[in-house]
N, C-alpha and C. Protein backbone atom coordinates (compact mmCIF):
# COMPACT_ATOMS: atom_id res chain seq x y z
N MET A 1 -38.89 -19.86 42.28
CA MET A 1 -38.43 -18.56 41.83
C MET A 1 -37.26 -18.08 42.64
N GLY A 2 -36.97 -18.64 43.74
CA GLY A 2 -35.85 -18.22 44.55
C GLY A 2 -34.52 -18.56 43.93
N ASN A 3 -34.48 -19.47 42.93
CA ASN A 3 -33.23 -19.91 42.32
C ASN A 3 -32.79 -19.06 41.14
N ILE A 4 -33.60 -18.09 40.74
CA ILE A 4 -33.25 -17.25 39.60
C ILE A 4 -32.20 -16.22 40.06
N MET A 5 -31.07 -16.21 39.33
CA MET A 5 -29.98 -15.30 39.66
C MET A 5 -30.04 -14.07 38.79
N ASN A 6 -29.58 -12.99 39.32
CA ASN A 6 -29.48 -11.76 38.55
C ASN A 6 -28.20 -11.86 37.73
N TRP A 7 -28.27 -11.51 36.44
CA TRP A 7 -27.13 -11.61 35.55
C TRP A 7 -25.95 -10.78 36.02
N ASP A 8 -26.20 -9.62 36.56
CA ASP A 8 -25.10 -8.74 37.04
C ASP A 8 -24.28 -9.35 38.16
N ASP A 9 -24.82 -10.33 38.86
CA ASP A 9 -24.13 -10.91 39.99
C ASP A 9 -23.27 -12.10 39.59
N THR A 10 -23.35 -12.58 38.36
CA THR A 10 -22.64 -13.79 37.97
C THR A 10 -21.17 -13.51 37.65
N ILE A 11 -20.38 -14.51 37.66
CA ILE A 11 -18.97 -14.40 37.32
C ILE A 11 -18.78 -14.01 35.85
N TRP A 12 -19.65 -14.53 34.97
CA TRP A 12 -19.55 -14.23 33.57
C TRP A 12 -19.79 -12.75 33.26
N ALA A 13 -20.73 -12.17 34.00
CA ALA A 13 -21.01 -10.75 33.84
C ALA A 13 -19.82 -9.90 34.27
N GLN A 14 -19.17 -10.32 35.35
CA GLN A 14 -18.02 -9.58 35.83
C GLN A 14 -16.86 -9.66 34.83
N LYS A 15 -16.67 -10.86 34.27
CA LYS A 15 -15.60 -11.03 33.28
C LYS A 15 -15.88 -10.22 32.01
N GLU A 16 -17.14 -10.17 31.60
CA GLU A 16 -17.48 -9.41 30.44
C GLU A 16 -17.26 -7.91 30.67
N LEU A 17 -17.58 -7.42 31.85
CA LEU A 17 -17.32 -6.03 32.19
C LEU A 17 -15.80 -5.72 32.17
N GLU A 18 -15.03 -6.64 32.67
CA GLU A 18 -13.57 -6.46 32.66
C GLU A 18 -13.04 -6.40 31.22
N ARG A 19 -13.55 -7.25 30.34
CA ARG A 19 -13.15 -7.25 28.95
C ARG A 19 -13.53 -5.93 28.30
N LYS A 20 -14.71 -5.43 28.55
CA LYS A 20 -15.15 -4.18 27.98
C LYS A 20 -14.30 -3.02 28.45
N GLU A 21 -13.97 -3.02 29.75
CA GLU A 21 -13.12 -1.96 30.28
C GLU A 21 -11.74 -2.00 29.72
N ALA A 22 -11.24 -3.20 29.45
CA ALA A 22 -9.93 -3.36 28.87
C ALA A 22 -9.89 -2.86 27.42
N LYS A 23 -10.98 -3.02 26.68
CA LYS A 23 -11.05 -2.62 25.27
C LYS A 23 -11.28 -1.16 25.11
N GLU A 24 -11.94 -0.49 26.00
CA GLU A 24 -12.27 0.91 25.85
C GLU A 24 -11.04 1.83 25.80
N PRO A 25 -10.01 1.62 26.64
CA PRO A 25 -8.84 2.51 26.55
C PRO A 25 -8.18 2.39 25.19
N LEU A 26 -8.17 1.21 24.55
CA LEU A 26 -7.58 1.03 23.26
C LEU A 26 -8.35 1.87 22.21
N LYS A 27 -9.66 1.88 22.29
CA LYS A 27 -10.46 2.64 21.32
C LYS A 27 -10.22 4.13 21.50
N GLU A 28 -10.11 4.58 22.77
CA GLU A 28 -9.92 6.00 23.03
C GLU A 28 -8.57 6.48 22.49
N LEU A 29 -7.52 5.65 22.66
CA LEU A 29 -6.22 6.05 22.19
C LEU A 29 -6.05 5.89 20.69
N GLY A 30 -6.96 5.16 20.06
CA GLY A 30 -6.90 4.95 18.63
C GLY A 30 -5.93 3.83 18.23
N GLN A 31 -5.57 2.98 19.17
CA GLN A 31 -4.67 1.91 18.86
C GLN A 31 -5.46 0.72 18.32
N PRO A 32 -4.94 0.06 17.23
CA PRO A 32 -5.62 -1.08 16.67
C PRO A 32 -5.50 -2.27 17.59
N LYS A 33 -6.45 -3.17 17.45
CA LYS A 33 -6.48 -4.39 18.30
C LYS A 33 -5.41 -5.36 17.90
N ASP A 34 -5.23 -5.59 16.62
CA ASP A 34 -4.24 -6.57 16.19
C ASP A 34 -3.48 -6.02 14.97
N ARG A 35 -2.51 -6.81 14.49
CA ARG A 35 -1.65 -6.38 13.38
C ARG A 35 -2.39 -6.17 12.09
N LYS A 36 -3.37 -6.98 11.78
CA LYS A 36 -4.05 -6.88 10.51
C LYS A 36 -4.68 -5.49 10.35
N ASP A 37 -5.28 -5.00 11.43
CA ASP A 37 -5.88 -3.64 11.35
C ASP A 37 -4.84 -2.58 11.13
N SER A 38 -3.73 -2.70 11.80
CA SER A 38 -2.69 -1.65 11.69
C SER A 38 -2.05 -1.67 10.32
N ASP A 39 -1.88 -2.84 9.69
CA ASP A 39 -1.33 -2.91 8.33
C ASP A 39 -2.28 -2.30 7.33
N GLN A 40 -3.58 -2.56 7.45
CA GLN A 40 -4.51 -2.00 6.51
C GLN A 40 -4.64 -0.49 6.68
N ASN A 41 -4.61 0.02 7.92
CA ASN A 41 -4.73 1.43 8.15
C ASN A 41 -3.52 2.17 7.59
N SER A 42 -2.32 1.60 7.76
CA SER A 42 -1.11 2.25 7.28
C SER A 42 -1.07 2.30 5.76
N LYS A 43 -1.60 1.28 5.10
CA LYS A 43 -1.61 1.29 3.64
C LYS A 43 -2.56 2.35 3.10
N VAL A 44 -3.68 2.53 3.76
CA VAL A 44 -4.67 3.51 3.29
C VAL A 44 -4.16 4.94 3.53
N GLU A 45 -3.49 5.16 4.63
CA GLU A 45 -3.09 6.54 5.01
C GLU A 45 -1.80 6.98 4.31
N LYS A 46 -1.13 6.16 3.55
CA LYS A 46 0.14 6.56 2.95
C LYS A 46 -0.03 7.55 1.80
N LYS A 47 -1.17 7.62 1.19
CA LYS A 47 -1.34 8.54 0.06
C LYS A 47 -1.39 9.98 0.54
N PRO A 48 -0.40 10.79 0.14
CA PRO A 48 -0.40 12.20 0.60
C PRO A 48 -1.49 13.01 -0.14
N GLU A 49 -2.03 13.96 0.57
CA GLU A 49 -3.03 14.84 -0.01
C GLU A 49 -2.39 16.15 -0.36
N VAL A 50 -2.47 16.50 -1.64
CA VAL A 50 -1.84 17.69 -2.16
C VAL A 50 -2.91 18.79 -2.26
N PRO A 51 -2.57 20.00 -1.77
CA PRO A 51 -3.56 21.10 -1.89
C PRO A 51 -3.84 21.43 -3.37
N ILE A 52 -5.03 21.95 -3.62
CA ILE A 52 -5.44 22.23 -5.01
C ILE A 52 -4.50 23.20 -5.68
N TRP A 53 -4.05 24.24 -4.98
CA TRP A 53 -3.22 25.28 -5.61
C TRP A 53 -1.84 24.79 -6.00
N TYR A 54 -1.42 23.61 -5.55
CA TYR A 54 -0.17 23.01 -5.98
C TYR A 54 -0.31 22.09 -7.17
N LYS A 55 -1.53 21.67 -7.44
CA LYS A 55 -1.75 20.68 -8.51
C LYS A 55 -1.67 21.35 -9.86
N VAL A 56 -1.12 20.65 -10.83
CA VAL A 56 -1.02 21.13 -12.19
C VAL A 56 -2.32 20.85 -12.94
N ASN A 57 -2.84 19.65 -12.76
CA ASN A 57 -4.10 19.25 -13.41
C ASN A 57 -5.16 19.04 -12.34
N LEU A 58 -6.37 19.52 -12.60
CA LEU A 58 -7.44 19.40 -11.68
C LEU A 58 -8.59 18.60 -12.26
N THR A 59 -9.32 17.89 -11.43
CA THR A 59 -10.54 17.22 -11.89
C THR A 59 -11.64 18.28 -12.06
N LEU A 60 -12.76 17.85 -12.64
CA LEU A 60 -13.86 18.82 -12.82
C LEU A 60 -14.36 19.33 -11.46
N GLU A 61 -14.45 18.45 -10.47
CA GLU A 61 -14.92 18.85 -9.16
C GLU A 61 -13.99 19.85 -8.49
N GLU A 62 -12.67 19.57 -8.59
CA GLU A 62 -11.69 20.48 -8.01
C GLU A 62 -11.68 21.83 -8.73
N THR A 63 -11.83 21.77 -10.07
CA THR A 63 -11.87 23.04 -10.85
C THR A 63 -13.11 23.86 -10.49
N ALA A 64 -14.24 23.18 -10.36
CA ALA A 64 -15.46 23.86 -9.95
C ALA A 64 -15.30 24.54 -8.58
N ALA A 65 -14.68 23.85 -7.63
CA ALA A 65 -14.50 24.45 -6.31
C ALA A 65 -13.47 25.57 -6.36
N TYR A 66 -12.44 25.40 -7.11
CA TYR A 66 -11.35 26.40 -7.15
C TYR A 66 -11.75 27.66 -7.83
N PHE A 67 -12.45 27.56 -9.00
CA PHE A 67 -12.79 28.76 -9.79
C PHE A 67 -14.23 29.22 -9.60
N GLY A 68 -15.04 28.43 -8.96
CA GLY A 68 -16.44 28.83 -8.70
C GLY A 68 -17.31 28.73 -9.98
N ILE A 69 -16.99 27.77 -10.83
CA ILE A 69 -17.77 27.54 -12.04
C ILE A 69 -18.45 26.18 -11.89
N GLY A 70 -19.65 26.04 -12.36
CA GLY A 70 -20.38 24.78 -12.27
C GLY A 70 -19.76 23.68 -13.09
N ILE A 71 -19.98 22.45 -12.64
CA ILE A 71 -19.43 21.30 -13.34
C ILE A 71 -20.02 21.15 -14.75
N ASN A 72 -21.32 21.40 -14.88
CA ASN A 72 -21.97 21.31 -16.20
C ASN A 72 -21.39 22.34 -17.16
N LYS A 73 -21.13 23.52 -16.70
CA LYS A 73 -20.52 24.57 -17.53
C LYS A 73 -19.12 24.14 -17.94
N LEU A 74 -18.39 23.56 -17.00
CA LEU A 74 -17.02 23.06 -17.34
C LEU A 74 -17.05 21.98 -18.39
N ARG A 75 -18.02 21.06 -18.28
CA ARG A 75 -18.15 20.04 -19.30
C ARG A 75 -18.45 20.66 -20.70
N GLU A 76 -19.34 21.66 -20.67
CA GLU A 76 -19.70 22.34 -21.94
C GLU A 76 -18.49 23.04 -22.53
N ILE A 77 -17.69 23.68 -21.72
CA ILE A 77 -16.47 24.36 -22.20
C ILE A 77 -15.47 23.34 -22.74
N THR A 78 -15.26 22.25 -22.04
CA THR A 78 -14.25 21.29 -22.41
C THR A 78 -14.70 20.41 -23.57
N ASN A 79 -15.95 20.43 -23.94
CA ASN A 79 -16.42 19.67 -25.12
C ASN A 79 -16.06 20.39 -26.43
N GLU A 80 -15.70 21.66 -26.40
CA GLU A 80 -15.39 22.40 -27.61
C GLU A 80 -14.12 21.86 -28.21
N LYS A 81 -14.02 21.93 -29.54
CA LYS A 81 -12.85 21.38 -30.26
C LYS A 81 -11.60 22.17 -30.07
N ASP A 82 -11.71 23.48 -29.91
CA ASP A 82 -10.49 24.30 -29.77
C ASP A 82 -10.07 24.44 -28.30
N CYS A 83 -10.58 23.60 -27.44
CA CYS A 83 -10.21 23.64 -26.01
C CYS A 83 -8.84 23.01 -25.87
N ASN A 84 -7.82 23.82 -25.49
CA ASN A 84 -6.47 23.29 -25.36
C ASN A 84 -6.07 23.08 -23.91
N PHE A 85 -6.95 23.29 -22.95
CA PHE A 85 -6.59 23.16 -21.54
C PHE A 85 -7.18 21.89 -20.92
N VAL A 86 -7.71 20.99 -21.73
CA VAL A 86 -8.28 19.77 -21.17
C VAL A 86 -7.35 18.61 -21.52
N LEU A 87 -7.20 17.70 -20.57
CA LEU A 87 -6.42 16.50 -20.75
C LEU A 87 -7.28 15.32 -20.49
N PHE A 88 -7.48 14.43 -21.44
CA PHE A 88 -8.30 13.24 -21.26
C PHE A 88 -7.39 12.07 -20.89
N ILE A 89 -7.74 11.39 -19.85
CA ILE A 89 -7.09 10.17 -19.48
C ILE A 89 -8.20 9.13 -19.49
N GLY A 90 -8.34 8.43 -20.59
CA GLY A 90 -9.48 7.56 -20.79
C GLY A 90 -10.72 8.42 -20.87
N ARG A 91 -11.68 8.20 -19.97
CA ARG A 91 -12.89 9.02 -19.95
C ARG A 91 -12.78 10.15 -18.93
N LYS A 92 -11.72 10.14 -18.17
CA LYS A 92 -11.54 11.14 -17.12
C LYS A 92 -10.99 12.43 -17.71
N ARG A 93 -11.60 13.56 -17.35
CA ARG A 93 -11.17 14.88 -17.83
C ARG A 93 -10.38 15.57 -16.74
N LEU A 94 -9.21 16.00 -17.07
CA LEU A 94 -8.39 16.83 -16.19
C LEU A 94 -8.21 18.18 -16.86
N ILE A 95 -8.25 19.21 -16.08
CA ILE A 95 -8.10 20.55 -16.63
C ILE A 95 -6.76 21.10 -16.18
N LYS A 96 -6.01 21.56 -17.16
CA LYS A 96 -4.68 22.16 -16.90
C LYS A 96 -4.92 23.53 -16.28
N ARG A 97 -4.58 23.63 -15.03
CA ARG A 97 -4.95 24.81 -14.22
C ARG A 97 -4.41 26.10 -14.76
N ARG A 98 -3.14 26.19 -15.09
CA ARG A 98 -2.54 27.46 -15.55
C ARG A 98 -3.11 27.90 -16.91
N GLN A 99 -3.31 26.92 -17.80
CA GLN A 99 -3.85 27.29 -19.11
C GLN A 99 -5.33 27.70 -18.97
N PHE A 100 -6.04 27.09 -18.04
CA PHE A 100 -7.43 27.47 -17.79
C PHE A 100 -7.51 28.86 -17.20
N GLU A 101 -6.58 29.22 -16.34
CA GLU A 101 -6.50 30.55 -15.77
C GLU A 101 -6.28 31.60 -16.88
N GLU A 102 -5.43 31.27 -17.85
CA GLU A 102 -5.20 32.20 -18.98
C GLU A 102 -6.45 32.29 -19.84
N TYR A 103 -7.15 31.17 -20.05
CA TYR A 103 -8.39 31.16 -20.82
C TYR A 103 -9.41 32.07 -20.15
N LEU A 104 -9.55 31.97 -18.87
CA LEU A 104 -10.51 32.81 -18.14
C LEU A 104 -10.10 34.28 -18.16
N ALA A 105 -8.80 34.57 -18.14
CA ALA A 105 -8.33 35.96 -18.17
C ALA A 105 -8.69 36.62 -19.52
N GLN A 106 -8.79 35.86 -20.57
CA GLN A 106 -9.08 36.40 -21.89
C GLN A 106 -10.58 36.55 -22.13
N ARG A 107 -11.40 35.89 -21.33
CA ARG A 107 -12.84 35.93 -21.53
C ARG A 107 -13.53 36.92 -20.61
N CYS A 108 -14.60 37.52 -21.16
CA CYS A 108 -15.43 38.38 -20.32
C CYS A 108 -16.70 37.64 -19.87
N VAL A 109 -17.17 36.76 -20.75
CA VAL A 109 -18.38 36.00 -20.48
C VAL A 109 -18.12 34.54 -20.79
N ILE A 110 -18.62 33.68 -19.97
CA ILE A 110 -18.51 32.26 -20.23
C ILE A 110 -19.88 31.69 -20.60
């Protein structure tokens, strides 16, 4: 039993600690380890985020958050035939914000 070494005393343990210490500052600074990571991150982050009040057309979720109306109620309103403020792109519904504001201004009850 006298020949059993403690892992913390070995050269491999010291080298592993050095590697971990070298990697930690990179994580703290937010720097990627290699080029592949930086290329992927830059592609994902290029899409600008536009505030809701600048958008012309809103999704149902954005409209619900902006006007305080439930998504189910918005679906019910946009299913009507005389609804002129909805824009369908395939199955996706977009609501024309300005026309919807005018629609709400004319209504007392929804």
